[in-house]
Amino acid sequence: MTDEQALASGLGGSRHMVEMFETTESMTDRVSTFVLDGLRQGDAVLLAMRLPHWNLISTRLTAANVLLSDAVASGRLTVLDAARTLARMMWHGVPSGGLFDEVVGKTVRQLNSSGALRVYSDMVDVLAADGFFQASDALEKLWSELAARESVTVLCGYSASTFLNPETSNALGSICRSHTDVRLNQIGMSPASPARPLDLPFDW
């Protein structure tokens, strides 16, 4: 199975996946495929990402003949700004479970009511890039709890460069263990997710 087919499949109920991207281009390629395949299958798609990254994705979607205004108006595509969304759920420097449910969980439940749902978010990377690894890990656990309650495919994205320092290995290991599927790319060998090997391509 190719990477694109793997991301598109979403088999086996809820999944909480993570990928470390080496470059902005690799992120754009992967996330664009994830979104396009979802829209083509009739899935609802929720994005919570940095505005510059959304600009790159929206350009790819437009080039693929996706009418963004129609997709948004129909509810098939929902886009949230990562920084603003984070600001609404943080409490004393960490994500609040109650606020996360109010801000993100409520949206997921609304979108889930109409069929399959897939989510891409780099909010965790916004935190990790600023060195707030505990907050990022806490947010990952909230995503996992939400995925346990709702039928949803969640893909979290990080910049691989955030974890190149060996001092981040403990944080990386904890973050990976919050996911059902892990791809680290250039980071190399690290503490494995209990569900998937870390140094192999996507094959789910």
Protein backbone atom coordinates (compact mmCIF):
# COMPACT_ATOMS: atom_id res chain seq x y z
CA MET A 1 0.00 0.00 0.00
CA THR A 2 1.32 3.45 -0.90
CA ASP A 3 1.57 6.26 1.62
CA GLU A 4 -1.32 8.03 -0.10
CA GLN A 5 -3.54 4.94 0.03
CA ALA A 6 -2.60 4.41 3.65
CA LEU A 7 -3.58 7.92 4.65
CA ALA A 8 -6.78 7.64 2.67
CA SER A 9 -7.91 4.31 4.06
CA GLY A 10 -8.81 5.26 7.62
CA LEU A 11 -9.64 1.61 8.32
CA GLY A 12 -10.45 0.06 11.67
CA GLY A 13 -12.36 2.88 13.42
CA SER A 14 -10.69 5.78 15.14
CA ARG A 15 -7.00 6.36 14.62
CA HIS A 16 -4.60 8.87 16.08
CA MET A 17 -1.58 9.21 13.82
CA VAL A 18 1.54 11.36 13.93
CA GLU A 19 4.16 12.28 11.39
CA MET A 20 7.34 14.30 11.71
CA PHE A 21 7.92 16.31 8.54
CA GLU A 22 11.44 17.05 7.33
CA THR A 23 10.41 20.05 5.26
CA THR A 24 7.48 22.35 4.68
CA GLU A 25 7.17 20.81 1.23
CA SER A 26 6.83 17.28 2.62
CA MET A 27 4.16 18.53 5.02
CA THR A 28 2.31 20.20 2.17
CA ASP A 29 2.45 17.05 0.04
CA ARG A 30 1.22 14.75 2.80
CA VAL A 31 -1.49 16.95 4.23
CA SER A 32 -2.81 17.93 0.79
CA THR A 33 -3.17 14.24 -0.06
CA PHE A 34 -4.86 13.55 3.28
CA VAL A 35 -7.38 16.35 2.70
CA LEU A 36 -7.99 15.67 -0.99
CA ASP A 37 -8.62 11.98 -0.46
CA GLY A 38 -11.03 12.76 2.34
CA LEU A 39 -13.01 15.24 0.29
CA ARG A 40 -13.12 12.88 -2.69
CA GLN A 41 -14.47 10.11 -0.45
CA GLY A 42 -17.14 12.38 0.95
CA ASP A 43 -15.52 12.71 4.39
CA ALA A 44 -15.81 15.86 6.43
CA VAL A 45 -12.36 17.39 6.99
CA LEU A 46 -11.32 19.52 9.96
CA LEU A 47 -8.01 21.40 9.86
CA ALA A 48 -6.49 23.20 12.84
CA MET A 49 -3.24 24.61 11.54
CA ARG A 50 -0.95 27.60 11.21
CA LEU A 51 -2.14 30.18 8.73
CA PRO A 52 1.03 30.00 6.54
CA HIS A 53 0.58 26.24 6.30
CA TRP A 54 -3.08 26.59 5.41
CA ASN A 55 -2.12 29.02 2.64
CA LEU A 56 0.11 26.31 1.15
CA ILE A 57 -2.57 23.64 1.47
CA SER A 58 -5.30 25.87 0.05
CA THR A 59 -3.14 26.57 -3.00
CA ARG A 60 -2.74 22.82 -3.58
CA LEU A 61 -6.47 22.21 -3.13
CA THR A 62 -7.34 24.97 -5.56
CA ALA A 63 -4.89 23.53 -8.09
CA ALA A 64 -6.71 20.21 -7.71
CA ASN A 65 -9.97 21.94 -8.65
CA VAL A 66 -11.44 22.02 -5.16
CA LEU A 67 -13.85 24.93 -4.79
CA LEU A 68 -12.88 25.98 -1.28
CA SER A 69 -15.85 28.28 -0.75
CA ASP A 70 -18.25 25.48 -1.66
CA ALA A 71 -16.43 22.95 0.53
CA VAL A 72 -16.56 25.30 3.51
CA ALA A 73 -20.17 26.36 2.92
CA SER A 74 -21.29 22.73 2.70
CA GLY A 75 -19.54 21.79 5.94
CA ARG A 76 -17.21 19.35 4.21
CA LEU A 77 -14.19 21.50 5.09
CA THR A 78 -13.65 23.38 8.35
CA VAL A 79 -10.47 25.35 8.94
CA LEU A 80 -9.35 26.67 12.35
CA ASP A 81 -6.33 28.83 13.05
CA ALA A 82 -3.98 26.84 15.28
CA ALA A 83 -2.77 29.71 17.44
CA ARG A 84 -6.22 31.15 18.07
CA THR A 85 -7.71 27.76 18.79
CA LEU A 86 -4.92 26.97 21.25
CA ALA A 87 -5.47 30.28 23.02
CA ARG A 88 -9.09 29.32 23.66
CA MET A 89 -8.20 26.02 25.35
CA MET A 90 -5.10 26.83 27.40
CA TRP A 91 -5.31 27.18 31.18
CA HIS A 92 -2.21 28.15 33.16
CA GLY A 93 0.06 27.04 30.34
CA VAL A 94 -1.51 23.65 29.61
CA PRO A 95 -4.53 22.57 27.55
CA SER A 96 -7.68 22.22 29.64
CA GLY A 97 -9.73 19.10 29.00
CA GLY A 98 -12.97 20.99 29.47
CA LEU A 99 -11.96 23.82 27.18
CA PHE A 100 -10.61 21.37 24.59
CA ASP A 101 -13.95 19.61 24.57
CA GLU A 102 -15.80 22.89 24.24
CA VAL A 103 -13.60 24.21 21.44
CA VAL A 104 -12.57 21.05 19.54
CA GLY A 105 -14.72 18.22 20.83
CA LYS A 106 -17.95 20.06 20.11
CA THR A 107 -16.83 20.76 16.55
CA VAL A 108 -15.81 17.14 16.04
CA ARG A 109 -19.16 15.87 17.28
CA GLN A 110 -21.04 18.24 14.98
CA LEU A 111 -19.00 17.22 11.93
CA ASN A 112 -19.12 13.54 12.88
CA SER A 113 -22.89 13.51 12.80
CA SER A 114 -22.89 13.69 9.01
CA GLY A 115 -20.50 10.77 8.32
CA ALA A 116 -16.79 9.98 8.29
CA LEU A 117 -14.44 12.63 9.67
CA ARG A 118 -10.72 13.18 9.35
CA VAL A 119 -8.69 15.81 11.19
CA TYR A 120 -5.26 17.30 10.61
CA SER A 121 -3.73 19.49 13.30
CA ASP A 122 -0.36 21.07 13.96
CA MET A 123 -1.43 22.72 17.22
CA VAL A 124 0.79 20.26 19.07
CA ASP A 125 3.74 21.45 17.01
CA VAL A 126 3.01 25.07 17.83
CA LEU A 127 3.53 24.14 21.49
CA ALA A 128 6.53 21.86 20.92
CA ALA A 129 8.32 24.36 18.70
CA ASP A 130 8.26 26.83 21.61
CA GLY A 131 9.64 24.17 23.98
CA PHE A 132 6.33 23.44 25.69
CA PHE A 133 6.66 19.67 25.36
CA GLN A 134 4.55 18.81 28.40
CA ALA A 135 1.71 20.93 27.06
CA SER A 136 2.06 19.29 23.64
CA ASP A 137 1.98 15.85 25.24
CA ALA A 138 -1.09 16.81 27.25
CA LEU A 139 -2.84 17.96 24.08
CA GLU A 140 -1.98 14.67 22.36
CA LYS A 141 -3.61 12.78 25.21
CA LEU A 142 -6.75 14.90 24.81
CA TRP A 143 -6.83 14.00 21.12
CA SER A 144 -6.49 10.32 22.05
CA GLU A 145 -9.34 10.56 24.53
CA LEU A 146 -11.51 12.25 21.93
CA ALA A 147 -10.67 9.56 19.37
CA ALA A 148 -11.69 6.93 21.91
CA ARG A 149 -15.13 8.54 22.18
CA GLU A 150 -15.69 9.53 18.55
CA SER A 151 -15.14 7.76 15.23
CA VAL A 152 -12.44 9.94 13.71
CA THR A 153 -9.07 9.75 11.97
CA VAL A 154 -6.65 12.29 13.45
CA LEU A 155 -3.28 13.12 11.90
CA CYS A 156 -0.95 15.31 13.98
CA GLY A 157 2.04 16.95 12.33
CA TYR A 158 5.35 18.15 13.75
CA SER A 159 8.51 19.58 12.30
CA ALA A 160 11.15 16.87 12.63
CA SER A 161 13.75 19.51 13.47
CA THR A 162 12.02 20.12 16.81
CA PHE A 163 13.23 16.73 18.04
CA LEU A 164 16.75 16.51 16.63
CA ASN A 165 18.27 17.49 19.99
CA PRO A 166 18.86 14.28 22.03
CA GLU A 167 17.52 16.12 25.09
CA THR A 168 14.04 15.95 23.54
CA SER A 169 14.03 12.14 23.34
CA ASN A 170 11.87 11.65 26.44
CA ALA A 171 9.31 14.13 25.18
CA LEU A 172 9.33 12.47 21.77
CA GLY A 173 8.83 9.02 23.26
CA SER A 174 5.87 10.17 25.32
CA ILE A 175 4.28 11.91 22.35
CA CYS A 176 4.72 8.83 20.15
CA ARG A 177 3.08 6.59 22.74
CA SER A 178 -0.07 8.70 22.50
CA HIS A 179 -0.57 7.58 18.89
CA THR A 180 -1.72 4.41 17.15
CA ASP A 181 0.51 5.08 14.12
CA VAL A 182 3.89 6.82 14.01
CA ARG A 183 6.27 8.00 11.30
CA LEU A 184 9.42 9.80 12.40
CA ASN A 185 11.26 10.16 9.06
CA GLN A 186 14.73 11.66 9.58
CA ILE A 187 14.67 11.50 13.39
CA GLY A 188 15.77 7.88 13.34
CA MET A 189 15.47 5.35 16.11
CA SER A 190 13.50 6.45 19.15
CA PRO A 191 11.28 4.82 21.80
CA ALA A 192 8.65 2.95 19.84
CA SER A 193 4.93 3.47 19.87
CA PRO A 194 3.27 0.40 21.40
CA ALA A 195 1.23 0.01 18.23
CA ARG A 196 3.65 0.67 15.37
CA PRO A 197 7.38 0.62 14.55
CA LEU A 198 8.89 4.07 14.23
CA ASP A 199 11.42 3.70 11.45
CA LEU A 200 9.25 2.20 8.72
CA PRO A 201 7.09 3.90 6.08
CA PHE A 202 3.33 4.04 6.55
CA ASP A 203 1.90 0.58 5.90
CA TRP A 204 -1.44 0.61 7.69
